[in-house]
Amino acid sequence: MSLPEEHTVITREEITGVEFDWFATDEQGQVAQFLAAGDPHVPAAALASEERLEALHVWIDTRPEREAPNAPAGGFDEHLTSPQRRGAYVYDHVPGEAGMYRLVAAPRHPLHLSDLPAKLRTYLETIRLPVAFGTARVRVFEDGHAEADSAPS
C-alpha cells in the first residue's frame, strides 16, 4: 500500500499473543472490527499503518452510539458490543483456529466505508474481504483472502 505520509508498519511478532484489533470492509463496503486475541493471521494490509489504524479506532470509538446492543449469542459477548452500537460488525477470534473469527455483534444499521473521512477510507479500502459481514464465521488469511465458514461456533 502506498501512503503519502510516514507510517509505522506493525509486525506479526508485535501482535502475536496480545490483543490486537483491526478493521476491514466486506463486499458491500460495510465495516467490521476484528478482535485477533493474539492470533497473528491477519491481512498484511491491516498492518500497513499503525497511525491510520489508531485513527480509525479513535474515529469509531468517539462516534455517538446509534443503536442498542445486539450480541446474537448474548452473555459473555455483551461486553463486545461497543463498536456494534456505533455501526460496525464485531468478530472475535476463535481460540485454536488460525484466522477464524465468529460474529459476536451485528449492527442493525451498518456503518459503510462511504461514512468514513477520506483519509480513513483510503486506508480501509485496502482491507476489503471477499465475504458478506453478518456471516456467523469467517476465516481470514494473511494475503487478504477470506471465506465464510459454515461450521458451528
C-alpha atoms as a PDB file:
ATOM      1  CA  MET A   1       0.000   0.000   0.000  1.00  0.00           C
ATOM      2  CA  SER A   2       1.413   3.398  -0.906  1.00  0.00           C
ATOM      3  CA  LEU A   3       0.584   6.063   1.649  1.00  0.00           C
ATOM      4  CA  PRO A   4       1.720   9.692   1.219  1.00  0.00           C
ATOM      5  CA  GLU A   5       2.743  10.154   4.861  1.00  0.00           C
ATOM      6  CA  GLU A   6       5.202   8.302   7.047  1.00  0.00           C
ATOM      7  CA  HIS A   7       3.628   5.199   8.570  1.00  0.00           C
ATOM      8  CA  THR A   8       4.765   2.645  11.093  1.00  0.00           C
ATOM      9  CA  VAL A   9       4.254  -0.899   9.860  1.00  0.00           C
ATOM     10  CA  ILE A  10       3.057  -3.316  12.554  1.00  0.00           C
ATOM     11  CA  THR A  11       4.852  -6.669  12.613  1.00  0.00           C
ATOM     12  CA  ARG A  12       3.289 -10.062  13.211  1.00  0.00           C
ATOM     13  CA  GLU A  13       5.706 -10.556  16.087  1.00  0.00           C
ATOM     14  CA  GLU A  14       4.237  -7.486  17.807  1.00  0.00           C
ATOM     15  CA  ILE A  15       0.668  -8.817  17.652  1.00  0.00           C
ATOM     16  CA  THR A  16       1.332 -12.475  18.446  1.00  0.00           C
ATOM     17  CA  GLY A  17      -0.022 -13.383  21.863  1.00  0.00           C
ATOM     18  CA  VAL A  18      -1.505  -9.930  22.618  1.00  0.00           C
ATOM     19  CA  GLU A  19      -4.903  -8.370  21.990  1.00  0.00           C
ATOM     20  CA  PHE A  20      -4.881  -6.684  18.585  1.00  0.00           C
ATOM     21  CA  ASP A  21      -7.968  -5.226  16.936  1.00  0.00           C
ATOM     22  CA  TRP A  22      -8.117  -4.447  13.237  1.00  0.00           C
ATOM     23  CA  PHE A  23     -10.785  -3.380  10.757  1.00  0.00           C
ATOM     24  CA  ALA A  24     -11.947  -4.442   7.314  1.00  0.00           C
ATOM     25  CA  THR A  25     -14.797  -3.895   4.883  1.00  0.00           C
ATOM     26  CA  ASP A  26     -16.827  -6.550   3.115  1.00  0.00           C
ATOM     27  CA  GLU A  27     -18.026  -6.837  -0.484  1.00  0.00           C
ATOM     28  CA  GLN A  28     -20.722  -4.211   0.162  1.00  0.00           C
ATOM     29  CA  GLY A  29     -18.368  -1.778   1.932  1.00  0.00           C
ATOM     30  CA  GLN A  30     -19.743  -2.497   5.419  1.00  0.00           C
ATOM     31  CA  VAL A  31     -17.243  -2.056   8.276  1.00  0.00           C
ATOM     32  CA  ALA A  32     -16.220  -4.681  10.845  1.00  0.00           C
ATOM     33  CA  GLN A  33     -13.840  -4.717  13.788  1.00  0.00           C
ATOM     34  CA  PHE A  34     -11.911  -7.959  14.291  1.00  0.00           C
ATOM     35  CA  LEU A  35     -10.559  -8.927  17.729  1.00  0.00           C
ATOM     36  CA  ALA A  36      -7.489 -11.060  16.963  1.00  0.00           C
ATOM     37  CA  ALA A  37      -6.796 -12.135  20.573  1.00  0.00           C
ATOM     38  CA  GLY A  38      -3.129 -12.849  19.870  1.00  0.00           C
ATOM     39  CA  ASP A  39      -3.633 -14.667  16.554  1.00  0.00           C
ATOM     40  CA  PRO A  40      -1.126 -13.188  14.051  1.00  0.00           C
ATOM     41  CA  HIS A  41      -3.073 -14.388  10.987  1.00  0.00           C
ATOM     42  CA  VAL A  42      -4.478 -11.017   9.921  1.00  0.00           C
ATOM     43  CA  PRO A  43      -4.298  -9.441   6.456  1.00  0.00           C
ATOM     44  CA  ALA A  44      -0.979  -7.754   5.742  1.00  0.00           C
ATOM     45  CA  ALA A  45      -2.851  -4.591   4.681  1.00  0.00           C
ATOM     46  CA  ALA A  46      -4.240  -4.263   8.231  1.00  0.00           C
ATOM     47  CA  LEU A  47      -0.644  -3.964   9.482  1.00  0.00           C
ATOM     48  CA  ALA A  48       0.429  -1.260   6.995  1.00  0.00           C
ATOM     49  CA  SER A  49      -0.087   1.788   9.229  1.00  0.00           C
ATOM     50  CA  GLU A  50      -0.213   1.893  12.996  1.00  0.00           C
ATOM     51  CA  GLU A  51      -1.154   5.568  12.743  1.00  0.00           C
ATOM     52  CA  ARG A  52      -4.138   5.028  10.422  1.00  0.00           C
ATOM     53  CA  LEU A  53      -5.315   2.039  12.459  1.00  0.00           C
ATOM     54  CA  GLU A  54      -5.228   4.106  15.643  1.00  0.00           C
ATOM     55  CA  ALA A  55      -7.028   6.991  13.922  1.00  0.00           C
ATOM     56  CA  LEU A  56      -9.744   4.581  12.755  1.00  0.00           C
ATOM     57  CA  HIS A  57     -10.114   3.213  16.298  1.00  0.00           C
ATOM     58  CA  VAL A  58     -10.491   6.724  17.678  1.00  0.00           C
ATOM     59  CA  TRP A  59     -12.948   7.765  14.975  1.00  0.00           C
ATOM     60  CA  ILE A  60     -15.223   4.771  15.594  1.00  0.00           C
ATOM     61  CA  ASP A  61     -14.841   4.860  19.397  1.00  0.00           C
ATOM     62  CA  THR A  62     -15.878   8.517  19.555  1.00  0.00           C
ATOM     63  CA  ARG A  63     -18.905   8.205  17.265  1.00  0.00           C
ATOM     64  CA  PRO A  64     -22.234   8.523  19.047  1.00  0.00           C
ATOM     65  CA  GLU A  65     -23.990   5.257  19.728  1.00  0.00           C
ATOM     66  CA  ARG A  66     -26.599   4.646  17.018  1.00  0.00           C
ATOM     67  CA  GLU A  67     -28.396   1.598  18.376  1.00  0.00           C
ATOM     68  CA  ALA A  68     -28.884  -0.795  21.278  1.00  0.00           C
ATOM     69  CA  PRO A  69     -26.502  -3.735  21.821  1.00  0.00           C
ATOM     70  CA  ASN A  70     -27.069  -6.718  19.548  1.00  0.00           C
ATOM     71  CA  ALA A  71     -24.941  -9.724  20.542  1.00  0.00           C
ATOM     72  CA  PRO A  72     -26.636 -12.734  18.932  1.00  0.00           C
ATOM     73  CA  ALA A  73     -25.167 -15.200  21.464  1.00  0.00           C
ATOM     74  CA  GLY A  74     -25.758 -12.830  24.410  1.00  0.00           C
ATOM     75  CA  GLY A  75     -23.995 -13.486  27.713  1.00  0.00           C
ATOM     76  CA  PHE A  76     -20.241 -13.020  27.569  1.00  0.00           C
ATOM     77  CA  ASP A  77     -20.416 -11.333  24.169  1.00  0.00           C
ATOM     78  CA  GLU A  78     -22.477  -8.403  25.518  1.00  0.00           C
ATOM     79  CA  HIS A  79     -19.275  -6.564  26.564  1.00  0.00           C
ATOM     80  CA  LEU A  80     -18.016  -6.648  22.960  1.00  0.00           C
ATOM     81  CA  THR A  81     -20.863  -4.576  21.502  1.00  0.00           C
ATOM     82  CA  SER A  82     -19.354  -1.086  21.733  1.00  0.00           C
ATOM     83  CA  PRO A  83     -18.280  -0.916  18.035  1.00  0.00           C
ATOM     84  CA  GLN A  84     -21.601  -2.525  17.014  1.00  0.00           C
ATOM     85  CA  ARG A  85     -23.568   0.186  18.813  1.00  0.00           C
ATOM     86  CA  ARG A  86     -21.693   2.623  16.554  1.00  0.00           C
ATOM     87  CA  GLY A  87     -22.424   0.642  13.372  1.00  0.00           C
ATOM     88  CA  ALA A  88     -19.551  -1.854  12.985  1.00  0.00           C
ATOM     89  CA  TYR A  89     -19.865  -5.612  12.894  1.00  0.00           C
ATOM     90  CA  VAL A  90     -17.715  -7.274  15.574  1.00  0.00           C
ATOM     91  CA  TYR A  91     -15.874 -10.556  15.042  1.00  0.00           C
ATOM     92  CA  ASP A  92     -13.852 -12.326  17.748  1.00  0.00           C
ATOM     93  CA  HIS A  93     -11.054 -14.831  17.114  1.00  0.00           C
ATOM     94  CA  VAL A  94     -11.925 -18.483  17.716  1.00  0.00           C
ATOM     95  CA  PRO A  95      -9.238 -19.912  20.045  1.00  0.00           C
ATOM     96  CA  GLY A  96      -7.130 -22.644  18.489  1.00  0.00           C
ATOM     97  CA  GLU A  97      -8.250 -21.914  14.907  1.00  0.00           C
ATOM     98  CA  ALA A  98      -5.779 -19.793  12.947  1.00  0.00           C
ATOM     99  CA  GLY A  99      -7.502 -16.895  11.194  1.00  0.00           C
ATOM    100  CA  MET A 100     -11.006 -17.980  12.241  1.00  0.00           C
ATOM    101  CA  TYR A 101     -13.438 -15.395  13.637  1.00  0.00           C
ATOM    102  CA  ARG A 102     -17.013 -15.686  14.891  1.00  0.00           C
ATOM    103  CA  LEU A 103     -19.623 -12.945  14.745  1.00  0.00           C
ATOM    104  CA  VAL A 104     -20.275 -11.588  18.248  1.00  0.00           C
ATOM    105  CA  ALA A 105     -22.221  -8.392  17.486  1.00  0.00           C
ATOM    106  CA  ALA A 106     -24.177  -7.271  14.428  1.00  0.00           C
ATOM    107  CA  PRO A 107     -25.393  -3.730  13.774  1.00  0.00           C
ATOM    108  CA  ARG A 108     -28.942  -3.202  12.644  1.00  0.00           C
ATOM    109  CA  HIS A 109     -27.780  -0.155  10.653  1.00  0.00           C
ATOM    110  CA  PRO A 110     -24.227  -0.947   9.440  1.00  0.00           C
ATOM    111  CA  LEU A 111     -21.525   1.667   9.107  1.00  0.00           C
ATOM    112  CA  HIS A 112     -20.387   1.927   5.495  1.00  0.00           C
ATOM    113  CA  LEU A 113     -16.984   2.757   4.064  1.00  0.00           C
ATOM    114  CA  SER A 114     -18.527   5.875   2.489  1.00  0.00           C
ATOM    115  CA  ASP A 115     -19.359   7.163   6.009  1.00  0.00           C
ATOM    116  CA  LEU A 116     -15.662   7.475   6.914  1.00  0.00           C
ATOM    117  CA  PRO A 117     -13.418  10.511   6.396  1.00  0.00           C
ATOM    118  CA  ALA A 118     -11.329  10.319   3.198  1.00  0.00           C
ATOM    119  CA  LYS A 119      -8.007   9.521   4.942  1.00  0.00           C
ATOM    120  CA  LEU A 120      -9.525   6.575   6.769  1.00  0.00           C
ATOM    121  CA  ARG A 121     -11.410   5.411   3.676  1.00  0.00           C
ATOM    122  CA  THR A 122      -8.126   5.272   1.753  1.00  0.00           C
ATOM    123  CA  TYR A 123      -6.614   3.000   4.422  1.00  0.00           C
ATOM    124  CA  LEU A 124      -9.683   0.782   4.844  1.00  0.00           C
ATOM    125  CA  GLU A 125     -10.262   0.362   1.090  1.00  0.00           C
ATOM    126  CA  THR A 126      -7.126  -1.809   1.043  1.00  0.00           C
ATOM    127  CA  ILE A 127      -8.649  -4.244   3.578  1.00  0.00           C
ATOM    128  CA  ARG A 128     -11.735  -5.444   1.718  1.00  0.00           C
ATOM    129  CA  LEU A 129     -12.621  -9.064   2.448  1.00  0.00           C
ATOM    130  CA  PRO A 130     -14.499 -11.068  -0.223  1.00  0.00           C
ATOM    131  CA  VAL A 131     -17.317 -12.071   2.145  1.00  0.00           C
ATOM    132  CA  ALA A 132     -20.560 -10.549   3.433  1.00  0.00           C
ATOM    133  CA  PHE A 133     -20.455  -9.409   7.058  1.00  0.00           C
ATOM    134  CA  GLY A 134     -23.181 -10.911   9.161  1.00  0.00           C
ATOM    135  CA  THR A 135     -21.868 -14.380   8.300  1.00  0.00           C
ATOM    136  CA  ALA A 136     -21.557 -16.397  11.518  1.00  0.00           C
ATOM    137  CA  ARG A 137     -17.922 -17.446  10.958  1.00  0.00           C
ATOM    138  CA  VAL A 138     -15.223 -16.054   8.673  1.00  0.00           C
ATOM    139  CA  ARG A 139     -11.720 -17.408   8.054  1.00  0.00           C
ATOM    140  CA  VAL A 140      -9.245 -14.668   7.196  1.00  0.00           C
ATOM    141  CA  PHE A 141      -5.869 -15.184   5.542  1.00  0.00           C
ATOM    142  CA  GLU A 142      -2.712 -13.063   5.670  1.00  0.00           C
ATOM    143  CA  ASP A 143      -2.940 -12.279   1.942  1.00  0.00           C
ATOM    144  CA  GLY A 144      -6.355 -10.633   2.458  1.00  0.00           C
ATOM    145  CA  HIS A 145      -8.400 -13.555   1.186  1.00  0.00           C
ATOM    146  CA  ALA A 146     -11.333 -14.643   3.361  1.00  0.00           C
ATOM    147  CA  GLU A 147     -14.087 -17.204   3.208  1.00  0.00           C
ATOM    148  CA  ALA A 148     -17.338 -17.836   5.028  1.00  0.00           C
ATOM    149  CA  ASP A 149     -17.270 -20.942   7.202  1.00  0.00           C
ATOM    150  CA  SER A 150     -20.456 -22.845   7.877  1.00  0.00           C
ATOM    151  CA  ALA A 151     -19.155 -24.843  10.880  1.00  0.00           C
ATOM    152  CA  PRO A 152     -20.915 -24.063  14.173  1.00  0.00           C
ATOM    153  CA  SER A 153     -19.155 -21.634  16.521  1.00  0.00           C
END
